[in-house]
Amino acid sequence: MTAERTTPSTPAAVSADRAATVTLVVPADVRYFRSVRLAVGGLATLVGFDVEAIDDLRIGVDELCGALAEAGDGSDLTFHIETRVGESIRIAGRAPSGSGTPDADRSSFSHQILSVVADAHALDVDGPELSCWLERALADPETGS
């Protein structure tokens, strides 16, 4: 497993104190998915999410990991976790496609789960590279949305 932190480099980008991207590379093995969940949980805390939202994000990460591992070729999974302190988190994963076809029932169930735990999400299992992502914005404390 490797981890790398990158920050925006353009002048128009938000300062490194407010925005950052962390990259994780883990084996396509369920035993390593916990590492991704822990990283997302820690980063979501920095953004300002509460415990319930962090649990939702961890559930979403499990779905992303499972989708990539199931439809992938067994190569490492790469995740880019983009944070904006006080605003949002985006978790994007990718892996090379495998020769198998993802289970339609599992994909449908993953979509249902991701629809509940994320503001937006996508799973793309067509083509030579699999990709998936989820985004969640910090709720406005005054409106709760």
C-alpha atoms as a PDB file:
ATOM      1  CA  MET A   1       0.000   0.000   0.000  1.00  0.00           C
ATOM      2  CA  THR A   2       1.293   3.431  -0.864  1.00  0.00           C
ATOM      3  CA  ALA A   3      -0.014   6.827   0.129  1.00  0.00           C
ATOM      4  CA  GLU A   4       0.813  10.182  -1.321  1.00  0.00           C
ATOM      5  CA  ARG A   5      -0.483  13.662  -0.566  1.00  0.00           C
ATOM      6  CA  THR A   6      -0.778  16.228  -3.294  1.00  0.00           C
ATOM      7  CA  THR A   7      -2.118  19.758  -3.123  1.00  0.00           C
ATOM      8  CA  PRO A   8      -3.464  22.027  -5.837  1.00  0.00           C
ATOM      9  CA  SER A   9      -0.685  23.860  -7.655  1.00  0.00           C
ATOM     10  CA  THR A  10      -2.564  26.535  -9.562  1.00  0.00           C
ATOM     11  CA  PRO A  11      -2.814  30.076  -8.179  1.00  0.00           C
ATOM     12  CA  ALA A  12      -6.615  29.957  -8.385  1.00  0.00           C
ATOM     13  CA  ALA A  13      -6.721  26.801  -6.253  1.00  0.00           C
ATOM     14  CA  VAL A  14      -7.827  26.912  -2.665  1.00  0.00           C
ATOM     15  CA  SER A  15      -4.922  27.000  -0.204  1.00  0.00           C
ATOM     16  CA  ALA A  16      -3.435  23.693   0.956  1.00  0.00           C
ATOM     17  CA  ASP A  17      -4.976  24.310   4.376  1.00  0.00           C
ATOM     18  CA  ARG A  18      -8.461  24.097   2.846  1.00  0.00           C
ATOM     19  CA  ALA A  19      -8.055  21.631  -0.028  1.00  0.00           C
ATOM     20  CA  ALA A  20      -5.920  18.573  -0.568  1.00  0.00           C
ATOM     21  CA  THR A  21      -5.840  15.297  -2.449  1.00  0.00           C
ATOM     22  CA  VAL A  22      -4.592  12.087  -0.894  1.00  0.00           C
ATOM     23  CA  THR A  23      -3.812   9.133  -3.146  1.00  0.00           C
ATOM     24  CA  LEU A  24      -3.973   5.559  -1.850  1.00  0.00           C
ATOM     25  CA  VAL A  25      -2.949   2.449  -3.742  1.00  0.00           C
ATOM     26  CA  VAL A  26      -4.060  -0.844  -2.198  1.00  0.00           C
ATOM     27  CA  PRO A  27      -4.165  -4.463  -3.353  1.00  0.00           C
ATOM     28  CA  ALA A  28      -7.506  -5.648  -4.737  1.00  0.00           C
ATOM     29  CA  ASP A  29      -8.001  -7.735  -1.618  1.00  0.00           C
ATOM     30  CA  VAL A  30     -10.792  -7.221   0.900  1.00  0.00           C
ATOM     31  CA  ARG A  31      -8.231  -7.320   3.738  1.00  0.00           C
ATOM     32  CA  TYR A  32      -6.888  -3.946   2.566  1.00  0.00           C
ATOM     33  CA  PHE A  33     -10.228  -2.168   2.172  1.00  0.00           C
ATOM     34  CA  ARG A  34     -10.115  -1.225   5.860  1.00  0.00           C
ATOM     35  CA  SER A  35      -7.112   0.980   5.117  1.00  0.00           C
ATOM     36  CA  VAL A  36      -9.160   2.972   2.621  1.00  0.00           C
ATOM     37  CA  ARG A  37     -12.085   3.247   5.072  1.00  0.00           C
ATOM     38  CA  LEU A  38      -9.750   4.491   7.823  1.00  0.00           C
ATOM     39  CA  ALA A  39      -8.139   7.063   5.542  1.00  0.00           C
ATOM     40  CA  VAL A  40     -11.528   8.335   4.369  1.00  0.00           C
ATOM     41  CA  GLY A  41     -12.773   8.507   7.957  1.00  0.00           C
ATOM     42  CA  GLY A  42      -9.778  10.557   9.051  1.00  0.00           C
ATOM     43  CA  LEU A  43      -9.987  12.901   6.082  1.00  0.00           C
ATOM     44  CA  ALA A  44     -13.750  13.306   6.483  1.00  0.00           C
ATOM     45  CA  THR A  45     -13.113  14.389  10.073  1.00  0.00           C
ATOM     46  CA  LEU A  46     -10.795  17.107   8.782  1.00  0.00           C
ATOM     47  CA  VAL A  47     -13.517  18.310   6.410  1.00  0.00           C
ATOM     48  CA  GLY A  48     -15.908  18.576   9.368  1.00  0.00           C
ATOM     49  CA  PHE A  49     -18.299  15.655   8.877  1.00  0.00           C
ATOM     50  CA  ASP A  50     -20.067  14.239  11.920  1.00  0.00           C
ATOM     51  CA  VAL A  51     -19.844  10.595  13.013  1.00  0.00           C
ATOM     52  CA  GLU A  52     -22.996   9.550  11.157  1.00  0.00           C
ATOM     53  CA  ALA A  53     -21.812  11.079   7.874  1.00  0.00           C
ATOM     54  CA  ILE A  54     -18.384   9.467   8.310  1.00  0.00           C
ATOM     55  CA  ASP A  55     -20.042   6.074   8.788  1.00  0.00           C
ATOM     56  CA  ASP A  56     -22.019   6.689   5.586  1.00  0.00           C
ATOM     57  CA  LEU A  57     -18.813   7.539   3.718  1.00  0.00           C
ATOM     58  CA  ARG A  58     -17.151   4.361   4.984  1.00  0.00           C
ATOM     59  CA  ILE A  59     -20.094   2.317   3.728  1.00  0.00           C
ATOM     60  CA  GLY A  60     -19.777   4.057   0.362  1.00  0.00           C
ATOM     61  CA  VAL A  61     -16.043   3.310   0.239  1.00  0.00           C
ATOM     62  CA  ASP A  62     -16.792  -0.379   0.819  1.00  0.00           C
ATOM     63  CA  GLU A  63     -19.082  -0.314  -2.216  1.00  0.00           C
ATOM     64  CA  LEU A  64     -16.451   1.395  -4.372  1.00  0.00           C
ATOM     65  CA  CYS A  65     -13.765  -1.069  -3.269  1.00  0.00           C
ATOM     66  CA  GLY A  66     -16.040  -4.054  -3.863  1.00  0.00           C
ATOM     67  CA  ALA A  67     -17.081  -2.877  -7.320  1.00  0.00           C
ATOM     68  CA  LEU A  68     -13.486  -2.290  -8.435  1.00  0.00           C
ATOM     69  CA  ALA A  69     -12.214  -5.572  -6.989  1.00  0.00           C
ATOM     70  CA  GLU A  70     -15.074  -7.608  -8.462  1.00  0.00           C
ATOM     71  CA  ALA A  71     -14.826  -6.233 -11.994  1.00  0.00           C
ATOM     72  CA  GLY A  72     -11.066  -5.616 -11.994  1.00  0.00           C
ATOM     73  CA  ASP A  73      -8.226  -7.808 -13.184  1.00  0.00           C
ATOM     74  CA  GLY A  74      -6.736  -8.256  -9.707  1.00  0.00           C
ATOM     75  CA  SER A  75      -4.328  -5.326 -10.023  1.00  0.00           C
ATOM     76  CA  ASP A  76      -4.030  -2.688  -7.329  1.00  0.00           C
ATOM     77  CA  LEU A  77      -6.886  -0.256  -6.696  1.00  0.00           C
ATOM     78  CA  THR A  78      -6.048   3.459  -6.803  1.00  0.00           C
ATOM     79  CA  PHE A  79      -8.075   6.011  -4.852  1.00  0.00           C
ATOM     80  CA  HIS A  80      -7.854   9.791  -5.001  1.00  0.00           C
ATOM     81  CA  ILE A  81      -9.539  11.421  -2.020  1.00  0.00           C
ATOM     82  CA  GLU A  82     -10.119  15.128  -2.545  1.00  0.00           C
ATOM     83  CA  THR A  83     -11.047  17.192   0.492  1.00  0.00           C
ATOM     84  CA  ARG A  84     -12.209  20.760   0.886  1.00  0.00           C
ATOM     85  CA  VAL A  85     -12.219  21.671   4.569  1.00  0.00           C
ATOM     86  CA  GLY A  86     -15.641  22.887   5.630  1.00  0.00           C
ATOM     87  CA  GLU A  87     -17.129  21.950   2.265  1.00  0.00           C
ATOM     88  CA  SER A  88     -16.902  18.465   0.753  1.00  0.00           C
ATOM     89  CA  ILE A  89     -15.121  15.209   0.037  1.00  0.00           C
ATOM     90  CA  ARG A  90     -14.790  13.307  -3.243  1.00  0.00           C
ATOM     91  CA  ILE A  91     -13.515   9.741  -3.381  1.00  0.00           C
ATOM     92  CA  ALA A  92     -12.562   8.417  -6.827  1.00  0.00           C
ATOM     93  CA  GLY A  93     -11.265   4.935  -7.503  1.00  0.00           C
ATOM     94  CA  ARG A  94      -9.917   3.150 -10.540  1.00  0.00           C
ATOM     95  CA  ALA A  95      -8.465  -0.180 -11.589  1.00  0.00           C
ATOM     96  CA  PRO A  96      -7.769  -2.066 -14.827  1.00  0.00           C
ATOM     97  CA  SER A  97     -10.795  -4.006 -16.123  1.00  0.00           C
ATOM     98  CA  GLY A  98     -10.910  -7.750 -15.783  1.00  0.00           C
ATOM     99  CA  SER A  99     -12.465 -10.302 -18.102  1.00  0.00           C
ATOM    100  CA  GLY A 100     -15.461 -10.973 -15.856  1.00  0.00           C
ATOM    101  CA  THR A 101     -18.814  -9.273 -15.987  1.00  0.00           C
ATOM    102  CA  PRO A 102     -19.999  -7.578 -12.798  1.00  0.00           C
ATOM    103  CA  ASP A 103     -23.008  -9.175 -11.148  1.00  0.00           C
ATOM    104  CA  ALA A 104     -26.066  -7.120 -12.143  1.00  0.00           C
ATOM    105  CA  ASP A 105     -27.815  -7.650  -8.798  1.00  0.00           C
ATOM    106  CA  ARG A 106     -24.746  -6.544  -6.861  1.00  0.00           C
ATOM    107  CA  SER A 107     -24.347  -3.472  -9.083  1.00  0.00           C
ATOM    108  CA  SER A 108     -27.982  -2.542  -8.553  1.00  0.00           C
ATOM    109  CA  PHE A 109     -27.641  -2.971  -4.786  1.00  0.00           C
ATOM    110  CA  SER A 110     -24.427  -0.892  -4.767  1.00  0.00           C
ATOM    111  CA  HIS A 111     -26.232   1.859  -6.670  1.00  0.00           C
ATOM    112  CA  GLN A 112     -29.004   1.873  -4.053  1.00  0.00           C
ATOM    113  CA  ILE A 113     -26.509   2.088  -1.200  1.00  0.00           C
ATOM    114  CA  LEU A 114     -24.463   4.833  -2.853  1.00  0.00           C
ATOM    115  CA  SER A 115     -27.648   6.804  -3.562  1.00  0.00           C
ATOM    116  CA  VAL A 116     -28.288   6.935   0.194  1.00  0.00           C
ATOM    117  CA  VAL A 117     -24.758   7.653   1.475  1.00  0.00           C
ATOM    118  CA  ALA A 118     -23.531  10.094  -1.200  1.00  0.00           C
ATOM    119  CA  ASP A 119     -24.822  13.269  -2.816  1.00  0.00           C
ATOM    120  CA  ALA A 120     -23.588  12.035  -6.200  1.00  0.00           C
ATOM    121  CA  HIS A 121     -21.847   8.902  -7.445  1.00  0.00           C
ATOM    122  CA  ALA A 122     -20.988   6.880 -10.537  1.00  0.00           C
ATOM    123  CA  LEU A 123     -19.726   3.409 -11.377  1.00  0.00           C
ATOM    124  CA  ASP A 124     -18.246   2.883 -14.845  1.00  0.00           C
ATOM    125  CA  VAL A 125     -17.286  -0.724 -15.498  1.00  0.00           C
ATOM    126  CA  ASP A 126     -17.079  -0.530 -19.293  1.00  0.00           C
ATOM    127  CA  GLY A 127     -13.782  -0.173 -21.124  1.00  0.00           C
ATOM    128  CA  PRO A 128     -10.163  -0.965 -20.264  1.00  0.00           C
ATOM    129  CA  GLU A 129     -10.241   0.922 -16.966  1.00  0.00           C
ATOM    130  CA  LEU A 130     -12.877   0.782 -14.261  1.00  0.00           C
ATOM    131  CA  SER A 131     -13.726   3.975 -12.470  1.00  0.00           C
ATOM    132  CA  CYS A 132     -16.061   4.951  -9.694  1.00  0.00           C
ATOM    133  CA  TRP A 133     -16.535   7.927  -7.439  1.00  0.00           C
ATOM    134  CA  LEU A 134     -18.719   9.426  -4.796  1.00  0.00           C
ATOM    135  CA  GLU A 135     -19.118  12.962  -3.510  1.00  0.00           C
ATOM    136  CA  ARG A 136     -20.627  14.318  -0.358  1.00  0.00           C
ATOM    137  CA  ALA A 137     -20.959  17.911   0.760  1.00  0.00           C
ATOM    138  CA  LEU A 138     -20.905  19.000   4.364  1.00  0.00           C
ATOM    139  CA  ALA A 139     -24.439  19.707   5.562  1.00  0.00           C
ATOM    140  CA  ASP A 140     -25.289  23.315   6.302  1.00  0.00           C
ATOM    141  CA  PRO A 141     -25.708  23.406  10.108  1.00  0.00           C
ATOM    142  CA  GLU A 142     -28.514  25.981   9.830  1.00  0.00           C
ATOM    143  CA  THR A 143     -30.626  24.110   7.297  1.00  0.00           C
ATOM    144  CA  GLY A 144     -29.384  20.561   7.875  1.00  0.00           C
ATOM    145  CA  SER A 145     -28.973  20.025   4.130  1.00  0.00           C
END
